[in-house]
Structure formats: C-alpha cells, structure tokens
Amino acid sequence: MLVTFLLLLLVAVVLGIIGAAADGLGYLLAFGVVLFVADVAFAAVASRRVPRRPVR
C-alpha cells in the first residue's frame, strides 16, 4: 500500500515538473495535480480501512 502511494506520488511530481518546465505541455502539469489529489484521497481512504491493533 505504501509502495503504491509513493510510486504514484513520484509520478505526479515528475509529471508536474515536466509540465511546468516544458513549453506547451501544461496538460502534464494539470494531470500531475489531478494524480496527486487522487493519490492523497486514496491514501486517506485506505488508512481508514486498516484496523488498528490495540497496544498491549
């Protein structure tokens, strides 16, 4: 789960950097932002589903 989160976060950052740096590729920046928001939402939902074990 954590690997998926970090991989999607890395892809979002790379797409955002490429979209901001390259002329005419603003859609990559927008796609990176959307992917980042979806990744954070996925992590929030997934963390609610994980049962918490009581401390012994």
PDB file of N, CA and C in Angstrom:
ATOM      1  N   MET A   1       0.831  -1.185   0.000  1.00  0.00           N
ATOM      2  CA  MET A   1       0.000   0.000   0.000  1.00  0.00           C
ATOM      3  C   MET A   1       0.873   1.244   0.000  1.00  0.00           C
ATOM      4  N   LEU A   2       1.899   1.232   0.842  1.00  0.00           N
ATOM      5  CA  LEU A   2       2.783   2.381   0.925  1.00  0.00           C
ATOM      6  C   LEU A   2       3.598   2.536  -0.357  1.00  0.00           C
ATOM      7  N   VAL A   3       3.981   1.414  -0.952  1.00  0.00           N
ATOM      8  CA  VAL A   3       4.746   1.467  -2.194  1.00  0.00           C
ATOM      9  C   VAL A   3       3.907   2.094  -3.306  1.00  0.00           C
ATOM     10  N   THR A   4       2.641   1.725  -3.380  1.00  0.00           N
ATOM     11  CA  THR A   4       1.738   2.298  -4.385  1.00  0.00           C
ATOM     12  C   THR A   4       1.587   3.797  -4.181  1.00  0.00           C
ATOM     13  N   PHE A   5       1.423   4.203  -2.939  1.00  0.00           N
ATOM     14  CA  PHE A   5       1.282   5.627  -2.634  1.00  0.00           C
ATOM     15  C   PHE A   5       2.526   6.398  -3.057  1.00  0.00           C
ATOM     16  N   LEU A   6       3.690   5.890  -2.693  1.00  0.00           N
ATOM     17  CA  LEU A   6       4.931   6.602  -3.010  1.00  0.00           C
ATOM     18  C   LEU A   6       5.210   6.611  -4.515  1.00  0.00           C
ATOM     19  N   LEU A   7       4.893   5.520  -5.202  1.00  0.00           N
ATOM     20  CA  LEU A   7       5.098   5.478  -6.644  1.00  0.00           C
ATOM     21  C   LEU A   7       4.196   6.481  -7.353  1.00  0.00           C
ATOM     22  N   LEU A   8       2.919   6.528  -6.982  1.00  0.00           N
ATOM     23  CA  LEU A   8       2.010   7.497  -7.588  1.00  0.00           C
ATOM     24  C   LEU A   8       2.405   8.930  -7.242  1.00  0.00           C
ATOM     25  N   LEU A   9       2.899   9.139  -6.045  1.00  0.00           N
ATOM     26  CA  LEU A   9       3.365  10.471  -5.658  1.00  0.00           C
ATOM     27  C   LEU A   9       4.572  10.884  -6.499  1.00  0.00           C
ATOM     28  N   LEU A  10       5.490   9.969  -6.731  1.00  0.00           N
ATOM     29  CA  LEU A  10       6.663  10.254  -7.551  1.00  0.00           C
ATOM     30  C   LEU A  10       6.261  10.568  -8.988  1.00  0.00           C
ATOM     31  N   VAL A  11       5.334   9.795  -9.535  1.00  0.00           N
ATOM     32  CA  VAL A  11       4.865  10.042 -10.907  1.00  0.00           C
ATOM     33  C   VAL A  11       4.185  11.406 -10.998  1.00  0.00           C
ATOM     34  N   ALA A  12       3.386  11.763  -9.999  1.00  0.00           N
ATOM     35  CA  ALA A  12       2.710  13.062 -10.009  1.00  0.00           C
ATOM     36  C   ALA A  12       3.710  14.209  -9.973  1.00  0.00           C
ATOM     37  N   VAL A  13       4.746  14.074  -9.161  1.00  0.00           N
ATOM     38  CA  VAL A  13       5.758  15.137  -9.069  1.00  0.00           C
ATOM     39  C   VAL A  13       6.535  15.263 -10.377  1.00  0.00           C
ATOM     40  N   VAL A  14       6.919  14.135 -10.967  1.00  0.00           N
ATOM     41  CA  VAL A  14       7.667  14.173 -12.224  1.00  0.00           C
ATOM     42  C   VAL A  14       6.827  14.789 -13.335  1.00  0.00           C
ATOM     43  N   LEU A  15       5.558  14.389 -13.443  1.00  0.00           N
ATOM     44  CA  LEU A  15       4.691  14.980 -14.459  1.00  0.00           C
ATOM     45  C   LEU A  15       4.491  16.466 -14.215  1.00  0.00           C
ATOM     46  N   GLY A  16       4.374  16.858 -12.959  1.00  0.00           N
ATOM     47  CA  GLY A  16       4.230  18.275 -12.645  1.00  0.00           C
ATOM     48  C   GLY A  16       5.458  19.078 -13.029  1.00  0.00           C
ATOM     49  N   ILE A  17       6.626  18.541 -12.769  1.00  0.00           N
ATOM     50  CA  ILE A  17       7.870  19.248 -13.118  1.00  0.00           C
ATOM     51  C   ILE A  17       8.021  19.346 -14.635  1.00  0.00           C
ATOM     52  N   ILE A  18       7.770  18.261 -15.334  1.00  0.00           N
ATOM     53  CA  ILE A  18       7.872  18.285 -16.802  1.00  0.00           C
ATOM     54  C   ILE A  18       6.845  19.245 -17.388  1.00  0.00           C
ATOM     55  N   GLY A  19       5.624  19.216 -16.850  1.00  0.00           N
ATOM     56  CA  GLY A  19       4.577  20.106 -17.361  1.00  0.00           C
ATOM     57  C   GLY A  19       4.873  21.571 -17.107  1.00  0.00           C
ATOM     58  N   ALA A  20       5.516  21.864 -15.980  1.00  0.00           N
ATOM     59  CA  ALA A  20       5.834  23.263 -15.669  1.00  0.00           C
ATOM     60  C   ALA A  20       7.050  23.746 -16.460  1.00  0.00           C
ATOM     61  N   ALA A  21       7.995  22.861 -16.732  1.00  0.00           N
ATOM     62  CA  ALA A  21       9.247  23.271 -17.378  1.00  0.00           C
ATOM     63  C   ALA A  21       9.131  23.321 -18.897  1.00  0.00           C
ATOM     64  N   ALA A  22       8.411  22.383 -19.486  1.00  0.00           N
ATOM     65  CA  ALA A  22       8.341  22.313 -20.944  1.00  0.00           C
ATOM     66  C   ALA A  22       7.255  23.250 -21.475  1.00  0.00           C
ATOM     67  N   ASP A  23       7.594  23.926 -22.527  1.00  0.00           N
ATOM     68  CA  ASP A  23       6.655  24.875 -23.125  1.00  0.00           C
ATOM     69  C   ASP A  23       5.586  24.111 -23.915  1.00  0.00           C
ATOM     70  N   GLY A  24       4.325  24.393 -23.645  1.00  0.00           N
ATOM     71  CA  GLY A  24       3.229  23.764 -24.361  1.00  0.00           C
ATOM     72  C   GLY A  24       2.763  22.445 -23.772  1.00  0.00           C
ATOM     73  N   LEU A  25       3.307  22.049 -22.626  1.00  0.00           N
ATOM     74  CA  LEU A  25       2.898  20.797 -22.002  1.00  0.00           C
ATOM     75  C   LEU A  25       2.217  21.052 -20.667  1.00  0.00           C
ATOM     76  N   GLY A  26       1.389  22.063 -20.635  1.00  0.00           N
ATOM     77  CA  GLY A  26       0.668  22.405 -19.415  1.00  0.00           C
ATOM     78  C   GLY A  26      -0.323  21.339 -18.993  1.00  0.00           C
ATOM     79  N   TYR A  27      -0.752  20.533 -19.968  1.00  0.00           N
ATOM     80  CA  TYR A  27      -1.686  19.462 -19.621  1.00  0.00           C
ATOM     81  C   TYR A  27      -1.012  18.421 -18.726  1.00  0.00           C
ATOM     82  N   LEU A  28       0.301  18.257 -18.844  1.00  0.00           N
ATOM     83  CA  LEU A  28       1.002  17.336 -17.948  1.00  0.00           C
ATOM     84  C   LEU A  28       1.006  17.873 -16.521  1.00  0.00           C
ATOM     85  N   LEU A  29       1.127  19.175 -16.377  1.00  0.00           N
ATOM     86  CA  LEU A  29       1.056  19.780 -15.050  1.00  0.00           C
ATOM     87  C   LEU A  29      -0.330  19.551 -14.452  1.00  0.00           C
ATOM     88  N   ALA A  30      -1.369  19.755 -15.243  1.00  0.00           N
ATOM     89  CA  ALA A  30      -2.732  19.538 -14.755  1.00  0.00           C
ATOM     90  C   ALA A  30      -2.948  18.071 -14.400  1.00  0.00           C
ATOM     91  N   PHE A  31      -2.459  17.170 -15.222  1.00  0.00           N
ATOM     92  CA  PHE A  31      -2.604  15.746 -14.950  1.00  0.00           C
ATOM     93  C   PHE A  31      -1.831  15.350 -13.694  1.00  0.00           C
ATOM     94  N   GLY A  32      -0.664  15.947 -13.478  1.00  0.00           N
ATOM     95  CA  GLY A  32       0.111  15.686 -12.270  1.00  0.00           C
ATOM     96  C   GLY A  32      -0.615  16.140 -11.018  1.00  0.00           C
ATOM     97  N   VAL A  33      -1.278  17.296 -11.086  1.00  0.00           N
ATOM     98  CA  VAL A  33      -2.035  17.804  -9.944  1.00  0.00           C
ATOM     99  C   VAL A  33      -3.231  16.899  -9.652  1.00  0.00           C
ATOM    100  N   VAL A  34      -3.931  16.485 -10.701  1.00  0.00           N
ATOM    101  CA  VAL A  34      -5.079  15.585 -10.517  1.00  0.00           C
ATOM    102  C   VAL A  34      -4.628  14.252  -9.939  1.00  0.00           C
ATOM    103  N   LEU A  35      -3.512  13.732 -10.417  1.00  0.00           N
ATOM    104  CA  LEU A  35      -2.978  12.472  -9.901  1.00  0.00           C
ATOM    105  C   LEU A  35      -2.560  12.612  -8.445  1.00  0.00           C
ATOM    106  N   PHE A  36      -1.995  13.751  -8.075  1.00  0.00           N
ATOM    107  CA  PHE A  36      -1.602  13.995  -6.684  1.00  0.00           C
ATOM    108  C   PHE A  36      -2.822  14.022  -5.773  1.00  0.00           C
ATOM    109  N   VAL A  37      -3.871  14.701  -6.183  1.00  0.00           N
ATOM    110  CA  VAL A  37      -5.092  14.776  -5.378  1.00  0.00           C
ATOM    111  C   VAL A  37      -5.728  13.389  -5.240  1.00  0.00           C
ATOM    112  N   ALA A  38      -5.751  12.632  -6.335  1.00  0.00           N
ATOM    113  CA  ALA A  38      -6.306  11.278  -6.282  1.00  0.00           C
ATOM    114  C   ALA A  38      -5.464  10.383  -5.379  1.00  0.00           C
ATOM    115  N   ASP A  39      -4.157  10.559  -5.391  1.00  0.00           N
ATOM    116  CA  ASP A  39      -3.262   9.765  -4.555  1.00  0.00           C
ATOM    117  C   ASP A  39      -3.482  10.066  -3.074  1.00  0.00           C
ATOM    118  N   VAL A  40      -3.645  11.320  -2.731  1.00  0.00           N
ATOM    119  CA  VAL A  40      -3.903  11.684  -1.336  1.00  0.00           C
ATOM    120  C   VAL A  40      -5.263  11.156  -0.886  1.00  0.00           C
ATOM    121  N   ALA A  41      -6.250  11.231  -1.761  1.00  0.00           N
ATOM    122  CA  ALA A  41      -7.570  10.698  -1.418  1.00  0.00           C
ATOM    123  C   ALA A  41      -7.517   9.184  -1.249  1.00  0.00           C
ATOM    124  N   PHE A  42      -6.773   8.502  -2.102  1.00  0.00           N
ATOM    125  CA  PHE A  42      -6.605   7.051  -1.992  1.00  0.00           C
ATOM    126  C   PHE A  42      -5.938   6.684  -0.670  1.00  0.00           C
ATOM    127  N   ALA A  43      -4.926   7.421  -0.281  1.00  0.00           N
ATOM    128  CA  ALA A  43      -4.237   7.139   0.984  1.00  0.00           C
ATOM    129  C   ALA A  43      -5.152   7.400   2.177  1.00  0.00           C
ATOM    130  N   ALA A  44      -5.971   8.426   2.095  1.00  0.00           N
ATOM    131  CA  ALA A  44      -6.888   8.727   3.199  1.00  0.00           C
ATOM    132  C   ALA A  44      -7.934   7.629   3.354  1.00  0.00           C
ATOM    133  N   VAL A  45      -8.470   7.157   2.254  1.00  0.00           N
ATOM    134  CA  VAL A  45      -9.482   6.092   2.318  1.00  0.00           C
ATOM    135  C   VAL A  45      -8.850   4.785   2.774  1.00  0.00           C
ATOM    136  N   ALA A  46      -7.675   4.485   2.275  1.00  0.00           N
ATOM    137  CA  ALA A  46      -7.015   3.226   2.626  1.00  0.00           C
ATOM    138  C   ALA A  46      -6.582   3.218   4.090  1.00  0.00           C
ATOM    139  N   SER A  47      -6.211   4.355   4.631  1.00  0.00           N
ATOM    140  CA  SER A  47      -5.779   4.392   6.028  1.00  0.00           C
ATOM    141  C   SER A  47      -6.964   4.235   6.981  1.00  0.00           C
ATOM    142  N   ARG A  48      -8.162   4.578   6.539  1.00  0.00           N
ATOM    143  CA  ARG A  48      -9.352   4.381   7.376  1.00  0.00           C
ATOM    144  C   ARG A  48      -9.741   2.916   7.449  1.00  0.00           C
ATOM    145  N   ARG A  49      -9.429   2.148   6.384  1.00  0.00           N
ATOM    146  CA  ARG A  49      -9.806   0.745   6.340  1.00  0.00           C
ATOM    147  C   ARG A  49      -8.882  -0.150   7.156  1.00  0.00           C
ATOM    148  N   VAL A  50      -7.668   0.301   7.421  1.00  0.00           N
ATOM    149  CA  VAL A  50      -6.712  -0.525   8.151  1.00  0.00           C
ATOM    150  C   VAL A  50      -7.133  -0.591   9.611  1.00  0.00           C
ATOM    151  N   PRO A  51      -7.403  -1.792  10.111  1.00  0.00           N
ATOM    152  CA  PRO A  51      -7.813  -1.895  11.519  1.00  0.00           C
ATOM    153  C   PRO A  51      -6.649  -1.585  12.446  1.00  0.00           C
ATOM    154  N   ARG A  52      -6.941  -0.860  13.458  1.00  0.00           N
ATOM    155  CA  ARG A  52      -5.911  -0.501  14.434  1.00  0.00           C
ATOM    156  C   ARG A  52      -5.820  -1.594  15.492  1.00  0.00           C
ATOM    157  N   ARG A  53      -4.609  -2.046  15.739  1.00  0.00           N
ATOM    158  CA  ARG A  53      -4.420  -3.066  16.772  1.00  0.00           C
ATOM    159  C   ARG A  53      -4.194  -2.379  18.110  1.00  0.00           C
ATOM    160  N   PRO A  54      -4.810  -2.876  19.144  1.00  0.00           N
ATOM    161  CA  PRO A  54      -4.616  -2.244  20.460  1.00  0.00           C
ATOM    162  C   PRO A  54      -3.188  -2.467  20.968  1.00  0.00           C
ATOM    163  N   VAL A  55      -2.695  -1.497  21.678  1.00  0.00           N
ATOM    164  CA  VAL A  55      -1.357  -1.596  22.257  1.00  0.00           C
ATOM    165  C   VAL A  55      -1.429  -2.495  23.478  1.00  0.00           C
ATOM    166  N   ARG A  56      -0.503  -3.431  23.562  1.00  0.00           N
ATOM    167  CA  ARG A  56      -0.531  -4.386  24.683  1.00  0.00           C
ATOM    168  C   ARG A  56       0.315  -3.897  25.830  1.00  0.00           C
TER     169      ARG A  56
END
